C-alpha atoms as a PDB file:
ATOM      1  CA  UNK A   1      92.464 101.246  92.126  1.00  0.00           C
ATOM      2  CA  UNK A   2      91.259 104.329  93.841  1.00  0.00           C
ATOM      3  CA  UNK A   3      87.601 104.768  94.887  1.00  0.00           C
ATOM      4  CA  UNK A   4      85.518 105.643  97.926  1.00  0.00           C
ATOM      5  CA  UNK A   5      86.346 102.248  99.262  1.00  0.00           C
ATOM      6  CA  UNK A   6      82.912 100.712  99.825  1.00  0.00           C
ATOM      7  CA  UNK A   7      81.791  97.028 100.037  1.00  0.00           C
ATOM      8  CA  UNK A   8      81.531  96.669  96.248  1.00  0.00           C
ATOM      9  CA  UNK A   9      85.083  97.645  95.900  1.00  0.00           C
ATOM     10  CA  UNK A  10      86.337  94.527  97.723  1.00  0.00           C
ATOM     11  CA  UNK A  11      84.230  92.384  95.479  1.00  0.00           C
ATOM     12  CA  UNK A  12      85.378  94.159  92.327  1.00  0.00           C
ATOM     13  CA  UNK A  13      89.172  93.816  93.482  1.00  0.00           C
ATOM     14  CA  UNK A  14      88.582  90.113  93.799  1.00  0.00           C
ATOM     15  CA  UNK A  15      86.875  89.878  90.401  1.00  0.00           C
ATOM     16  CA  UNK A  16      89.845  91.652  88.884  1.00  0.00           C
ATOM     17  CA  UNK A  17      92.294  89.389  90.623  1.00  0.00           C
ATOM     18  CA  UNK A  18      90.342  86.384  89.339  1.00  0.00           C
ATOM     19  CA  UNK A  19      90.541  87.647  85.871  1.00  0.00           C
ATOM     20  CA  UNK A  20      94.180  88.490  85.968  1.00  0.00           C
ATOM     21  CA  UNK A  21      97.515  86.602  86.055  1.00  0.00           C
ATOM     22  CA  UNK A  22      98.537  84.999  89.300  1.00  0.00           C
ATOM     23  CA  UNK A  23     101.491  87.432  89.698  1.00  0.00           C
ATOM     24  CA  UNK A  24      99.202  90.584  89.277  1.00  0.00           C
ATOM     25  CA  UNK A  25      98.780  92.762  92.385  1.00  0.00           C
ATOM     26  CA  UNK A  26      95.576  94.446  92.617  1.00  0.00           C
ATOM     27  CA  UNK A  27      94.726  96.669  95.486  1.00  0.00           C
ATOM     28  CA  UNK A  28      92.294  99.351  96.391  1.00  0.00           C
ATOM     29  CA  UNK A  29      92.731 102.609  98.272  1.00  0.00           C
ATOM     30  CA  UNK A  30      90.573 105.688  99.092  1.00  0.00           C
ATOM     31  CA  UNK A  31      91.245 108.415  96.584  1.00  0.00           C
ATOM     32  CA  UNK A  32      92.934 110.495  99.194  1.00  0.00           C
ATOM     33  CA  UNK A  33      95.771 108.023  99.524  1.00  0.00           C
ATOM     34  CA  UNK A  34      96.955 108.305  95.870  1.00  0.00           C
ATOM     35  CA  UNK A  35      99.964 110.330  96.844  1.00  0.00           C
ATOM     36  CA  UNK A  36     101.278 107.710  99.217  1.00  0.00           C
ATOM     37  CA  UNK A  37     100.499 104.466  97.198  1.00  0.00           C
ATOM     38  CA  UNK A  38     100.509 105.035  93.527  1.00  0.00           C
ATOM     39  CA  UNK A  39     104.346 104.534  93.179  1.00  0.00           C
ATOM     40  CA  UNK A  40     103.990 100.991  93.795  1.00  0.00           C
ATOM     41  CA  UNK A  41     101.850 100.047  90.752  1.00  0.00           C
ATOM     42  CA  UNK A  42     101.988  99.863  86.946  1.00  0.00           C
ATOM     43  CA  UNK A  43      98.606 101.611  86.256  1.00  0.00           C
ATOM     44  CA  UNK A  44      96.252 103.707  88.217  1.00  0.00           C
ATOM     45  CA  UNK A  45      92.549 102.783  88.000  1.00  0.00           C
ATOM     46  CA  UNK A  46      90.039 105.375  89.090  1.00  0.00           C
ATOM     47  CA  UNK A  47      86.572 104.373  90.135  1.00  0.00           C
ATOM     48  CA  UNK A  48      83.819 106.226  87.921  1.00  0.00           C
ATOM     49  CA  UNK A  49      82.278 107.551  91.201  1.00  0.00           C
ATOM     50  CA  UNK A  50      85.529 109.537  91.903  1.00  0.00           C
ATOM     51  CA  UNK A  51      86.432 110.602  88.410  1.00  0.00           C
ATOM     52  CA  UNK A  52      86.102 114.195  89.673  1.00  0.00           C
ATOM     53  CA  UNK A  53      89.623 113.702  91.117  1.00  0.00           C
ATOM     54  CA  UNK A  54      91.252 112.641  87.755  1.00  0.00           C
ATOM     55  CA  UNK A  55      92.649 116.105  86.977  1.00  0.00           C
ATOM     56  CA  UNK A  56      94.283 116.031  90.368  1.00  0.00           C
ATOM     57  CA  UNK A  57      95.588 112.390  89.825  1.00  0.00           C
ATOM     58  CA  UNK A  58      96.761 112.687  86.250  1.00  0.00           C
ATOM     59  CA  UNK A  59      99.830 114.802  87.163  1.00  0.00           C
ATOM     60  CA  UNK A  60     100.881 112.225  89.853  1.00  0.00           C
ATOM     61  CA  UNK A  61     100.527 109.388  87.217  1.00  0.00           C
ATOM     62  CA  UNK A  62     102.429 111.518  84.734  1.00  0.00           C
ATOM     63  CA  UNK A  63     105.272 112.197  87.269  1.00  0.00           C
ATOM     64  CA  UNK A  64     105.365 108.404  88.027  1.00  0.00           C
ATOM     65  CA  UNK A  65     105.355 107.429  84.338  1.00  0.00           C
ATOM     66  CA  UNK A  66     102.373 105.223  84.617  1.00  0.00           C
ATOM     67  CA  UNK A  67      98.859 105.406  82.806  1.00  0.00           C
ATOM     68  CA  UNK A  68      95.746 106.342  84.509  1.00  0.00           C
ATOM     69  CA  UNK A  69      92.426 104.779  83.533  1.00  0.00           C
ATOM     70  CA  UNK A  70      88.899 105.708  84.791  1.00  0.00           C
ATOM     71  CA  UNK A  71      87.014 102.398  84.994  1.00  0.00           C
ATOM     72  CA  UNK A  72      83.930 101.985  82.747  1.00  0.00           C
ATOM     73  CA  UNK A  73      80.947 102.807  84.787  1.00  0.00           C
ATOM     74  CA  UNK A  74      78.876  99.951  83.438  1.00  0.00           C
ATOM     75  CA  UNK A  75      81.796  97.209  84.085  1.00  0.00           C
ATOM     76  CA  UNK A  76      82.256  98.872  87.476  1.00  0.00           C
ATOM     77  CA  UNK A  77      78.585  98.646  88.315  1.00  0.00           C
ATOM     78  CA  UNK A  78      78.325  95.158  87.209  1.00  0.00           C
ATOM     79  CA  UNK A  79      81.449  94.200  89.114  1.00  0.00           C
ATOM     80  CA  UNK A  80      82.879  92.809  85.721  1.00  0.00           C
ATOM     81  CA  UNK A  81      86.485  92.319  86.779  1.00  0.00           C
ATOM     82  CA  UNK A  82      87.333  90.678  83.545  1.00  0.00           C
ATOM     83  CA  UNK A  83      86.289  93.740  81.541  1.00  0.00           C
ATOM     84  CA  UNK A  84      88.009  96.082  83.683  1.00  0.00           C
ATOM     85  CA  UNK A  85      91.301  93.784  83.591  1.00  0.00           C
ATOM     86  CA  UNK A  86      91.124  93.588  79.933  1.00  0.00           C
ATOM     87  CA  UNK A  87      90.675  97.500  79.665  1.00  0.00           C
ATOM     88  CA  UNK A  88      93.550  98.051  82.096  1.00  0.00           C
ATOM     89  CA  UNK A  89      95.733  95.629  80.322  1.00  0.00           C
ATOM     90  CA  UNK A  90      95.148  97.378  76.890  1.00  0.00           C
ATOM     91  CA  UNK A  91      95.677 100.835  78.463  1.00  0.00           C
ATOM     92  CA  UNK A  92      99.027  99.689  79.955  1.00  0.00           C
ATOM     93  CA  UNK A  93     100.140  98.114  76.657  1.00  0.00           C
ATOM     94  CA  UNK A  94      99.023 101.238  74.654  1.00  0.00           C
ATOM     95  CA  UNK A  95     100.929 103.452  77.148  1.00  0.00           C
ATOM     96  CA  UNK A  96     104.087 101.436  76.900  1.00  0.00           C
ATOM     97  CA  UNK A  97     103.932 101.568  73.116  1.00  0.00           C
ATOM     98  CA  UNK A  98     103.356 105.214  73.178  1.00  0.00           C
ATOM     99  CA  UNK A  99     106.122 106.029  75.568  1.00  0.00           C
ATOM    100  CA  UNK A 100     108.810 103.594  74.231  1.00  0.00           C
ATOM    101  CA  UNK A 101     108.427 104.687  70.566  1.00  0.00           C
ATOM    102  CA  UNK A 102     109.541 108.373  71.219  1.00  0.00           C
END
């Protein structure tokens, strides 16, 4: 997850972890670290407050062969880890289908 790395981010990370599977790894980084960290993950999540960086991050995601998702502003604001987890899981599944059927 890429954001501005505030206190709410830590709470959201834990909420996403609680919604996920035990083996899932969820981490948060400042958006400026995307170049050095994104290669370790299956999906790149972008906080809605830093969506302006999506055009710069998308080519990185494409080069790594992973989807990028901007988190829903309402789910993010409510710290709804389950909604974000479910959306990320669906985005990842859709991406895999799209890129394996070609």
